[in-house]
Amino acid sequence: MGAPSLLSAPWAAWLLLAVGVAVAAWAARALFKRRADARLGRLVAVDAGAPSILRSDRYRLEGRPDAVRELPDGRAVPIELKSRPAPRGGPPASHLVQVWAYCLLVEEETGRAPPFGILRYVDGEYRVPWDRPARAELLCLRDAIARPYDGRATPSPGRCTRCPWSPVCDLRAPGTR
């Protein structure tokens, strides 16, 4: 008597069915995502190596969004891709500021303000409004960063040891040089 065929076993049929359903679900999700992206407009730029960097001499900022889409009305929308799930409480401030900066750069480059930027996580996305309050907050942060350091930090061995700026910092805690 020979060994039973793997394909004749009932579990093999169920396995093939499960794999087929999984592939169909993946394909449907990819198609849905592609259609959703198409509603945003035409893809005009992707950070796939060395695309041009957006610069603003006026604001002394530069950056390169992961993608830029052109809406049907001609306005460009920056898209920032994150390789992690969306945080439970919404995007962290640092991610919002990054998208705002890209919105400002797109506006400077094209002469037209985008209505929003997109922050896309692996399991969802946020439309980040680009409006007066967002612009005001971004420019306030940029101005604060541009000012000379006022010495508010208190050096400590714990902080200074982990700090990436420690090798060039004048305020290092003793013993961390």
N, C-alpha and C. Protein backbone atom coordinates (compact mmCIF):
# COMPACT_ATOMS: atom_id res chain seq x y z
N MET A 1 0.85 -1.16 0.00
CA MET A 1 0.00 0.00 0.00
C MET A 1 0.90 1.23 0.00
N GLY A 2 0.64 2.19 -0.88
CA GLY A 2 1.47 3.40 -0.99
C GLY A 2 1.03 4.48 -0.02
N ALA A 3 1.82 5.50 0.06
CA ALA A 3 1.51 6.63 0.94
C ALA A 3 0.31 7.39 0.39
N PRO A 4 -0.53 7.93 1.27
CA PRO A 4 -1.70 8.69 0.78
C PRO A 4 -1.25 9.99 0.11
N SER A 5 -1.97 10.40 -0.90
CA SER A 5 -1.66 11.64 -1.62
C SER A 5 -2.03 12.84 -0.74
N LEU A 6 -1.15 13.84 -0.73
CA LEU A 6 -1.41 15.03 0.07
C LEU A 6 -2.58 15.83 -0.49
N LEU A 7 -2.76 15.79 -1.80
CA LEU A 7 -3.82 16.55 -2.41
C LEU A 7 -5.19 15.91 -2.27
N SER A 8 -5.24 14.64 -1.92
CA SER A 8 -6.53 13.99 -1.79
C SER A 8 -7.09 14.12 -0.37
N ALA A 9 -6.30 14.59 0.54
CA ALA A 9 -6.77 14.74 1.91
C ALA A 9 -7.76 15.90 2.00
N PRO A 10 -8.80 15.78 2.79
CA PRO A 10 -9.79 16.86 2.92
C PRO A 10 -9.17 18.16 3.43
N TRP A 11 -8.18 18.07 4.29
CA TRP A 11 -7.57 19.29 4.82
C TRP A 11 -6.83 20.07 3.74
N ALA A 12 -6.34 19.38 2.72
CA ALA A 12 -5.65 20.07 1.63
C ALA A 12 -6.63 20.96 0.87
N ALA A 13 -7.83 20.49 0.68
CA ALA A 13 -8.84 21.30 0.00
C ALA A 13 -9.15 22.55 0.82
N TRP A 14 -9.27 22.37 2.12
CA TRP A 14 -9.53 23.54 2.99
C TRP A 14 -8.35 24.51 2.98
N LEU A 15 -7.14 23.97 2.95
CA LEU A 15 -5.95 24.82 2.90
C LEU A 15 -5.92 25.64 1.61
N LEU A 16 -6.18 24.98 0.49
CA LEU A 16 -6.21 25.68 -0.79
C LEU A 16 -7.30 26.75 -0.80
N LEU A 17 -8.44 26.45 -0.24
CA LEU A 17 -9.54 27.41 -0.15
C LEU A 17 -9.12 28.62 0.70
N ALA A 18 -8.50 28.35 1.83
CA ALA A 18 -8.07 29.44 2.72
C ALA A 18 -7.04 30.33 2.05
N VAL A 19 -6.07 29.73 1.36
CA VAL A 19 -5.05 30.50 0.65
C VAL A 19 -5.71 31.34 -0.44
N GLY A 20 -6.64 30.75 -1.17
CA GLY A 20 -7.35 31.48 -2.23
C GLY A 20 -8.13 32.67 -1.69
N VAL A 21 -8.81 32.48 -0.56
CA VAL A 21 -9.56 33.58 0.06
C VAL A 21 -8.61 34.68 0.53
N ALA A 22 -7.48 34.29 1.11
CA ALA A 22 -6.51 35.29 1.59
C ALA A 22 -5.96 36.10 0.41
N VAL A 23 -5.62 35.45 -0.68
CA VAL A 23 -5.10 36.16 -1.85
C VAL A 23 -6.17 37.08 -2.44
N ALA A 24 -7.40 36.62 -2.50
CA ALA A 24 -8.49 37.45 -3.02
C ALA A 24 -8.71 38.67 -2.12
N ALA A 25 -8.63 38.49 -0.80
CA ALA A 25 -8.80 39.62 0.13
C ALA A 25 -7.67 40.62 -0.04
N TRP A 26 -6.46 40.13 -0.17
CA TRP A 26 -5.31 41.03 -0.38
C TRP A 26 -5.47 41.81 -1.67
N ALA A 27 -5.88 41.15 -2.74
CA ALA A 27 -6.06 41.81 -4.04
C ALA A 27 -7.18 42.85 -3.96
N ALA A 28 -8.27 42.53 -3.27
CA ALA A 28 -9.37 43.47 -3.14
C ALA A 28 -8.94 44.70 -2.34
N ARG A 29 -8.15 44.48 -1.29
CA ARG A 29 -7.66 45.61 -0.49
C ARG A 29 -6.73 46.50 -1.32
N ALA A 30 -5.85 45.88 -2.11
CA ALA A 30 -4.94 46.65 -2.97
C ALA A 30 -5.72 47.46 -4.00
N LEU A 31 -6.76 46.86 -4.58
CA LEU A 31 -7.58 47.56 -5.56
C LEU A 31 -8.33 48.72 -4.91
N PHE A 32 -8.87 48.50 -3.72
CA PHE A 32 -9.58 49.56 -2.99
C PHE A 32 -8.63 50.72 -2.71
N LYS A 33 -7.42 50.40 -2.26
CA LYS A 33 -6.43 51.44 -1.94
C LYS A 33 -6.05 52.22 -3.21
N ARG A 34 -5.87 51.52 -4.32
CA ARG A 34 -5.52 52.17 -5.58
C ARG A 34 -6.64 53.11 -6.03
N ARG A 35 -7.90 52.67 -5.89
CA ARG A 35 -9.03 53.52 -6.27
C ARG A 35 -9.14 54.73 -5.35
N ALA A 36 -8.89 54.53 -4.06
CA ALA A 36 -8.92 55.65 -3.12
C ALA A 36 -7.83 56.65 -3.46
N ASP A 37 -6.65 56.18 -3.81
CA ASP A 37 -5.56 57.07 -4.21
C ASP A 37 -5.90 57.82 -5.49
N ALA A 38 -6.56 57.14 -6.42
CA ALA A 38 -6.91 57.78 -7.69
C ALA A 38 -7.90 58.92 -7.46
N ARG A 39 -8.76 58.80 -6.46
CA ARG A 39 -9.68 59.89 -6.14
C ARG A 39 -8.93 61.12 -5.65
N LEU A 40 -7.75 60.92 -5.06
CA LEU A 40 -6.94 62.05 -4.61
C LEU A 40 -6.31 62.79 -5.78
N GLY A 41 -6.18 62.14 -6.88
CA GLY A 41 -5.59 62.79 -8.04
C GLY A 41 -4.38 62.04 -8.56
N ARG A 42 -3.71 62.67 -9.49
CA ARG A 42 -2.58 62.07 -10.19
C ARG A 42 -1.33 62.10 -9.32
N LEU A 43 -0.60 61.00 -9.30
CA LEU A 43 0.67 60.92 -8.59
C LEU A 43 1.71 61.71 -9.38
N VAL A 44 2.32 62.72 -8.74
CA VAL A 44 3.28 63.56 -9.46
C VAL A 44 4.70 63.42 -8.95
N ALA A 45 4.89 62.82 -7.77
CA ALA A 45 6.25 62.63 -7.26
C ALA A 45 6.26 61.52 -6.22
N VAL A 46 7.35 60.76 -6.22
CA VAL A 46 7.55 59.70 -5.25
C VAL A 46 9.00 59.74 -4.81
N ASP A 47 9.23 59.59 -3.50
CA ASP A 47 10.59 59.56 -2.97
C ASP A 47 11.12 58.14 -3.14
N ALA A 48 11.67 57.86 -4.31
CA ALA A 48 12.18 56.52 -4.60
C ALA A 48 13.65 56.58 -4.95
N GLY A 49 14.40 57.28 -4.15
CA GLY A 49 15.82 57.36 -4.42
C GLY A 49 16.31 58.78 -4.33
N ALA A 50 16.25 59.50 -5.44
CA ALA A 50 16.80 60.86 -5.43
C ALA A 50 15.91 61.87 -6.15
N PRO A 51 14.60 61.97 -5.78
CA PRO A 51 13.80 63.02 -6.38
C PRO A 51 14.24 64.38 -5.84
N SER A 52 13.77 65.43 -6.45
CA SER A 52 14.21 66.76 -6.02
C SER A 52 13.68 67.09 -4.63
N ILE A 53 14.48 67.81 -3.92
CA ILE A 53 14.13 68.26 -2.58
C ILE A 53 13.37 69.57 -2.71
N LEU A 54 12.32 69.73 -1.93
CA LEU A 54 11.58 70.99 -1.90
C LEU A 54 12.31 71.94 -0.96
N ARG A 55 12.48 73.19 -1.39
CA ARG A 55 13.21 74.16 -0.57
C ARG A 55 12.44 75.46 -0.48
N SER A 56 12.58 76.11 0.66
CA SER A 56 12.04 77.45 0.84
C SER A 56 13.14 78.30 1.45
N ASP A 57 13.68 79.22 0.65
CA ASP A 57 14.70 80.13 1.17
C ASP A 57 14.06 81.11 2.17
N ARG A 58 12.83 81.50 1.90
CA ARG A 58 12.15 82.45 2.78
C ARG A 58 12.00 81.90 4.19
N TYR A 59 11.63 80.62 4.32
CA TYR A 59 11.43 80.02 5.63
C TYR A 59 12.62 79.20 6.11
N ARG A 60 13.64 79.10 5.26
CA ARG A 60 14.84 78.32 5.57
C ARG A 60 14.47 76.89 5.98
N LEU A 61 13.67 76.27 5.12
CA LEU A 61 13.25 74.87 5.32
C LEU A 61 13.50 74.11 4.03
N GLU A 62 13.71 72.81 4.17
CA GLU A 62 13.77 71.94 3.01
C GLU A 62 13.33 70.55 3.44
N GLY A 63 12.81 69.79 2.50
CA GLY A 63 12.36 68.44 2.79
C GLY A 63 11.90 67.73 1.55
N ARG A 64 11.61 66.46 1.71
CA ARG A 64 11.20 65.64 0.58
C ARG A 64 10.07 64.71 1.06
N PRO A 65 8.82 65.03 0.71
CA PRO A 65 7.73 64.13 1.10
C PRO A 65 7.87 62.78 0.38
N ASP A 66 7.28 61.75 0.96
CA ASP A 66 7.36 60.42 0.35
C ASP A 66 6.63 60.37 -0.99
N ALA A 67 5.56 61.14 -1.11
CA ALA A 67 4.81 61.19 -2.38
C ALA A 67 4.08 62.53 -2.44
N VAL A 68 3.74 62.93 -3.66
CA VAL A 68 2.93 64.12 -3.87
C VAL A 68 1.88 63.76 -4.91
N ARG A 69 0.63 64.09 -4.61
CA ARG A 69 -0.46 63.85 -5.55
C ARG A 69 -1.05 65.19 -5.98
N GLU A 70 -1.48 65.25 -7.21
CA GLU A 70 -2.12 66.45 -7.73
C GLU A 70 -3.63 66.23 -7.75
N LEU A 71 -4.35 67.10 -7.03
CA LEU A 71 -5.81 67.02 -6.99
C LEU A 71 -6.38 67.43 -8.35
N PRO A 72 -7.64 67.08 -8.60
CA PRO A 72 -8.26 67.47 -9.88
C PRO A 72 -8.23 68.98 -10.13
N ASP A 73 -8.21 69.79 -9.06
CA ASP A 73 -8.18 71.24 -9.24
C ASP A 73 -6.75 71.77 -9.42
N GLY A 74 -5.76 70.89 -9.47
CA GLY A 74 -4.38 71.28 -9.74
C GLY A 74 -3.52 71.50 -8.52
N ARG A 75 -4.10 71.50 -7.31
CA ARG A 75 -3.29 71.68 -6.11
C ARG A 75 -2.58 70.38 -5.77
N ALA A 76 -1.36 70.51 -5.27
CA ALA A 76 -0.55 69.34 -4.90
C ALA A 76 -0.74 69.04 -3.42
N VAL A 77 -0.76 67.75 -3.08
CA VAL A 77 -0.93 67.30 -1.70
C VAL A 77 0.25 66.40 -1.32
N PRO A 78 1.00 66.77 -0.27
CA PRO A 78 2.10 65.90 0.17
C PRO A 78 1.59 64.70 0.96
N ILE A 79 2.27 63.58 0.81
CA ILE A 79 1.90 62.35 1.52
C ILE A 79 3.13 61.85 2.25
N GLU A 80 2.97 61.63 3.54
CA GLU A 80 4.05 61.07 4.37
C GLU A 80 3.66 59.65 4.76
N LEU A 81 4.52 58.70 4.46
CA LEU A 81 4.26 57.29 4.75
C LEU A 81 5.01 56.87 6.01
N LYS A 82 4.31 56.21 6.91
CA LYS A 82 4.92 55.69 8.13
C LYS A 82 4.80 54.17 8.11
N SER A 83 5.86 53.49 8.51
CA SER A 83 5.89 52.03 8.44
C SER A 83 5.46 51.39 9.76
N ARG A 84 4.58 52.04 10.46
CA ARG A 84 4.08 51.53 11.73
C ARG A 84 2.57 51.71 11.77
N PRO A 85 1.90 51.01 12.67
CA PRO A 85 0.45 51.22 12.80
C PRO A 85 0.13 52.62 13.32
N ALA A 86 -1.06 53.08 13.04
CA ALA A 86 -1.49 54.39 13.52
C ALA A 86 -1.55 54.37 15.05
N PRO A 87 -1.01 55.39 15.70
CA PRO A 87 -1.08 55.45 17.16
C PRO A 87 -2.53 55.54 17.63
N ARG A 88 -2.82 54.95 18.78
CA ARG A 88 -4.20 54.91 19.30
C ARG A 88 -4.79 56.30 19.51
N GLY A 89 -4.01 57.21 20.01
CA GLY A 89 -4.52 58.54 20.32
C GLY A 89 -4.41 59.52 19.16
N GLY A 90 -4.16 59.03 17.97
CA GLY A 90 -3.97 59.91 16.82
C GLY A 90 -2.49 60.16 16.59
N PRO A 91 -2.20 60.88 15.53
CA PRO A 91 -0.79 61.11 15.19
C PRO A 91 -0.08 61.94 16.26
N PRO A 92 1.18 61.61 16.55
CA PRO A 92 1.94 62.44 17.48
C PRO A 92 2.25 63.80 16.85
N ALA A 93 2.52 64.77 17.69
CA ALA A 93 2.79 66.13 17.22
C ALA A 93 3.92 66.17 16.21
N SER A 94 4.95 65.36 16.41
CA SER A 94 6.09 65.38 15.49
C SER A 94 5.68 64.99 14.08
N HIS A 95 4.74 64.05 13.93
CA HIS A 95 4.28 63.64 12.61
C HIS A 95 3.44 64.75 11.97
N LEU A 96 2.61 65.41 12.78
CA LEU A 96 1.80 66.51 12.27
C LEU A 96 2.70 67.65 11.77
N VAL A 97 3.70 67.99 12.57
CA VAL A 97 4.61 69.07 12.19
C VAL A 97 5.34 68.72 10.89
N GLN A 98 5.72 67.48 10.73
CA GLN A 98 6.40 67.06 9.49
C GLN A 98 5.49 67.27 8.28
N VAL A 99 4.22 66.87 8.40
CA VAL A 99 3.28 67.04 7.28
C VAL A 99 3.03 68.53 7.04
N TRP A 100 2.90 69.32 8.10
CA TRP A 100 2.72 70.77 7.92
C TRP A 100 3.90 71.37 7.18
N ALA A 101 5.10 70.94 7.53
CA ALA A 101 6.29 71.47 6.86
C ALA A 101 6.25 71.13 5.37
N TYR A 102 5.84 69.91 5.04
CA TYR A 102 5.72 69.54 3.63
C TYR A 102 4.65 70.38 2.93
N CYS A 103 3.55 70.65 3.63
CA CYS A 103 2.50 71.49 3.04
C CYS A 103 3.04 72.88 2.73
N LEU A 104 3.80 73.45 3.68
CA LEU A 104 4.40 74.77 3.46
C LEU A 104 5.36 74.74 2.27
N LEU A 105 6.16 73.69 2.19
CA LEU A 105 7.12 73.58 1.09
C LEU A 105 6.42 73.41 -0.26
N VAL A 106 5.35 72.62 -0.29
CA VAL A 106 4.58 72.45 -1.53
C VAL A 106 3.97 73.79 -1.92
N GLU A 107 3.44 74.52 -0.95
CA GLU A 107 2.86 75.83 -1.23
C GLU A 107 3.91 76.79 -1.79
N GLU A 108 5.09 76.80 -1.20
CA GLU A 108 6.16 77.67 -1.68
C GLU A 108 6.59 77.27 -3.10
N GLU A 109 6.65 75.98 -3.36
CA GLU A 109 7.10 75.48 -4.66
C GLU A 109 6.09 75.73 -5.77
N THR A 110 4.80 75.53 -5.46
CA THR A 110 3.76 75.60 -6.50
C THR A 110 3.03 76.94 -6.53
N GLY A 111 3.10 77.70 -5.44
CA GLY A 111 2.36 78.95 -5.36
C GLY A 111 0.91 78.77 -4.96
N ARG A 112 0.49 77.54 -4.67
CA ARG A 112 -0.88 77.24 -4.24
C ARG A 112 -0.83 76.38 -2.99
N ALA A 113 -1.60 76.79 -1.99
CA ALA A 113 -1.62 76.04 -0.73
C ALA A 113 -2.41 74.75 -0.90
N PRO A 114 -1.87 73.64 -0.42
CA PRO A 114 -2.67 72.40 -0.43
C PRO A 114 -3.76 72.52 0.64
N PRO A 115 -4.90 71.88 0.44
CA PRO A 115 -5.94 71.95 1.46
C PRO A 115 -5.60 71.09 2.69
N PHE A 116 -4.75 70.12 2.47
CA PHE A 116 -4.38 69.18 3.53
C PHE A 116 -3.13 68.43 3.10
N GLY A 117 -2.54 67.73 4.05
CA GLY A 117 -1.49 66.76 3.77
C GLY A 117 -1.99 65.42 4.25
N ILE A 118 -1.37 64.37 3.81
CA ILE A 118 -1.81 63.02 4.21
C ILE A 118 -0.71 62.35 4.99
N LEU A 119 -1.10 61.79 6.12
CA LEU A 119 -0.21 61.03 6.98
C LEU A 119 -0.73 59.59 6.94
N ARG A 120 0.00 58.71 6.25
CA ARG A 120 -0.48 57.34 6.02
C ARG A 120 0.34 56.35 6.84
N TYR A 121 -0.36 55.62 7.70
CA TYR A 121 0.23 54.53 8.48
C TYR A 121 -0.13 53.21 7.79
N VAL A 122 0.45 52.11 8.24
CA VAL A 122 0.20 50.83 7.58
C VAL A 122 -1.26 50.39 7.70
N ASP A 123 -1.97 50.89 8.71
CA ASP A 123 -3.35 50.45 8.91
C ASP A 123 -4.37 51.58 8.84
N GLY A 124 -3.99 52.71 8.31
CA GLY A 124 -4.95 53.81 8.18
C GLY A 124 -4.23 55.10 7.84
N GLU A 125 -5.03 56.14 7.61
CA GLU A 125 -4.43 57.41 7.26
C GLU A 125 -5.22 58.56 7.86
N TYR A 126 -4.56 59.70 7.95
CA TYR A 126 -5.16 60.92 8.47
C TYR A 126 -4.98 62.02 7.42
N ARG A 127 -6.02 62.81 7.23
CA ARG A 127 -5.89 64.03 6.46
C ARG A 127 -5.56 65.12 7.46
N VAL A 128 -4.41 65.72 7.28
CA VAL A 128 -3.94 66.74 8.21
C VAL A 128 -4.25 68.10 7.57
N PRO A 129 -5.19 68.85 8.15
CA PRO A 129 -5.57 70.13 7.54
C PRO A 129 -4.40 71.11 7.47
N TRP A 130 -4.31 71.81 6.36
CA TRP A 130 -3.32 72.88 6.21
C TRP A 130 -4.12 74.18 6.16
N ASP A 131 -4.22 74.82 7.32
CA ASP A 131 -5.01 76.03 7.46
C ASP A 131 -4.24 77.06 8.28
N ARG A 132 -4.88 78.18 8.60
CA ARG A 132 -4.18 79.24 9.35
C ARG A 132 -3.62 78.77 10.69
N PRO A 133 -4.40 78.06 11.51
CA PRO A 133 -3.84 77.61 12.79
C PRO A 133 -2.63 76.68 12.61
N ALA A 134 -2.67 75.79 11.62
CA ALA A 134 -1.54 74.88 11.38
C ALA A 134 -0.32 75.68 10.93
N ARG A 135 -0.53 76.64 10.03
CA ARG A 135 0.57 77.48 9.55
C ARG A 135 1.17 78.27 10.72
N ALA A 136 0.31 78.85 11.55
CA ALA A 136 0.80 79.66 12.68
C ALA A 136 1.62 78.81 13.65
N GLU A 137 1.14 77.61 13.94
CA GLU A 137 1.87 76.74 14.87
C GLU A 137 3.21 76.31 14.27
N LEU A 138 3.22 75.95 12.99
CA LEU A 138 4.46 75.55 12.34
C LEU A 138 5.48 76.69 12.35
N LEU A 139 5.05 77.88 11.99
CA LEU A 139 5.98 79.01 11.94
C LEU A 139 6.45 79.41 13.33
N CYS A 140 5.60 79.25 14.34
CA CYS A 140 6.01 79.52 15.72
C CYS A 140 7.10 78.53 16.14
N LEU A 141 6.93 77.27 15.81
CA LEU A 141 7.95 76.26 16.12
C LEU A 141 9.25 76.54 15.36
N ARG A 142 9.13 76.90 14.10
CA ARG A 142 10.32 77.20 13.30
C ARG A 142 11.07 78.38 13.89
N ASP A 143 10.35 79.41 14.31
CA ASP A 143 10.99 80.57 14.92
C ASP A 143 11.68 80.20 16.24
N ALA A 144 11.03 79.34 17.04
CA ALA A 144 11.63 78.93 18.31
C ALA A 144 12.92 78.14 18.08
N ILE A 145 12.92 77.30 17.06
CA ILE A 145 14.11 76.51 16.76
C ILE A 145 15.23 77.39 16.23
N ALA A 146 14.88 78.45 15.52
CA ALA A 146 15.89 79.32 14.91
C ALA A 146 16.58 80.22 15.95
N ARG A 147 15.95 80.43 17.10
CA ARG A 147 16.56 81.28 18.13
C ARG A 147 17.76 80.58 18.76
N PRO A 148 18.72 81.36 19.23
CA PRO A 148 19.86 80.75 19.93
C PRO A 148 19.39 80.02 21.18
N TYR A 149 20.11 78.99 21.52
CA TYR A 149 19.76 78.18 22.69
C TYR A 149 19.88 79.03 23.95
N ASP A 150 18.88 78.94 24.83
CA ASP A 150 18.85 79.79 26.03
C ASP A 150 19.36 79.08 27.29
N GLY A 151 19.83 77.84 27.17
CA GLY A 151 20.44 77.16 28.31
C GLY A 151 19.48 76.57 29.31
N ARG A 152 18.23 76.31 28.92
CA ARG A 152 17.25 75.78 29.86
C ARG A 152 17.52 74.34 30.29
N ALA A 153 18.20 73.56 29.50
CA ALA A 153 18.41 72.15 29.82
C ALA A 153 19.35 72.01 31.01
N THR A 154 19.06 71.02 31.82
CA THR A 154 19.93 70.72 32.95
C THR A 154 20.69 69.45 32.60
N PRO A 155 21.99 69.55 32.40
CA PRO A 155 22.75 68.35 32.04
C PRO A 155 22.73 67.32 33.17
N SER A 156 22.65 66.08 32.78
CA SER A 156 22.73 64.98 33.75
C SER A 156 23.39 63.80 33.05
N PRO A 157 24.10 62.97 33.80
CA PRO A 157 24.75 61.82 33.16
C PRO A 157 23.76 60.93 32.41
N GLY A 158 22.56 60.73 32.95
CA GLY A 158 21.57 59.89 32.28
C GLY A 158 21.14 60.45 30.94
N ARG A 159 20.82 61.74 30.93
CA ARG A 159 20.40 62.38 29.69
C ARG A 159 21.55 62.48 28.69
N CYS A 160 22.69 62.93 29.17
CA CYS A 160 23.81 63.20 28.26
C CYS A 160 24.38 61.94 27.64
N THR A 161 24.35 60.83 28.36
CA THR A 161 24.89 59.58 27.82
C THR A 161 24.07 59.11 26.62
N ARG A 162 22.76 59.29 26.67
CA ARG A 162 21.88 58.83 25.59
C ARG A 162 21.68 59.86 24.48
N CYS A 163 22.13 61.08 24.70
CA CYS A 163 21.87 62.16 23.75
C CYS A 163 22.76 62.04 22.50
N PRO A 164 22.15 62.11 21.31
CA PRO A 164 22.97 62.01 20.09
C PRO A 164 23.84 63.24 19.87
N TRP A 165 23.56 64.35 20.55
CA TRP A 165 24.33 65.57 20.37
C TRP A 165 25.47 65.69 21.37
N SER A 166 25.59 64.74 22.26
CA SER A 166 26.60 64.81 23.31
C SER A 166 28.01 65.07 22.80
N PRO A 167 28.44 64.46 21.70
CA PRO A 167 29.82 64.70 21.25
C PRO A 167 30.11 66.16 20.90
N VAL A 168 29.10 66.95 20.56
CA VAL A 168 29.34 68.33 20.14
C VAL A 168 28.72 69.35 21.08
N CYS A 169 28.20 68.91 22.21
CA CYS A 169 27.47 69.79 23.13
C CYS A 169 28.42 70.46 24.12
N ASP A 170 28.20 71.74 24.37
CA ASP A 170 29.01 72.48 25.34
C ASP A 170 28.48 72.32 26.76
N LEU A 171 27.28 71.75 26.92
CA LEU A 171 26.66 71.66 28.24
C LEU A 171 26.72 70.27 28.84
N ARG A 172 27.54 69.37 28.30
CA ARG A 172 27.57 67.99 28.76
C ARG A 172 27.82 67.90 30.26
N ALA A 173 27.18 66.91 30.84
CA ALA A 173 27.41 66.65 32.28
C ALA A 173 28.82 66.14 32.48
N PRO A 174 29.41 66.46 33.61
CA PRO A 174 30.77 65.96 33.88
C PRO A 174 30.81 64.43 33.79
N GLY A 175 31.86 63.92 33.24
CA GLY A 175 32.03 62.47 33.13
C GLY A 175 31.45 61.88 31.84
N THR A 176 30.82 62.71 31.00
CA THR A 176 30.25 62.19 29.76
C THR A 176 31.02 62.69 28.55
N ARG A 177 32.16 63.28 28.76
CA ARG A 177 32.95 63.83 27.64
C ARG A 177 33.71 62.77 26.93
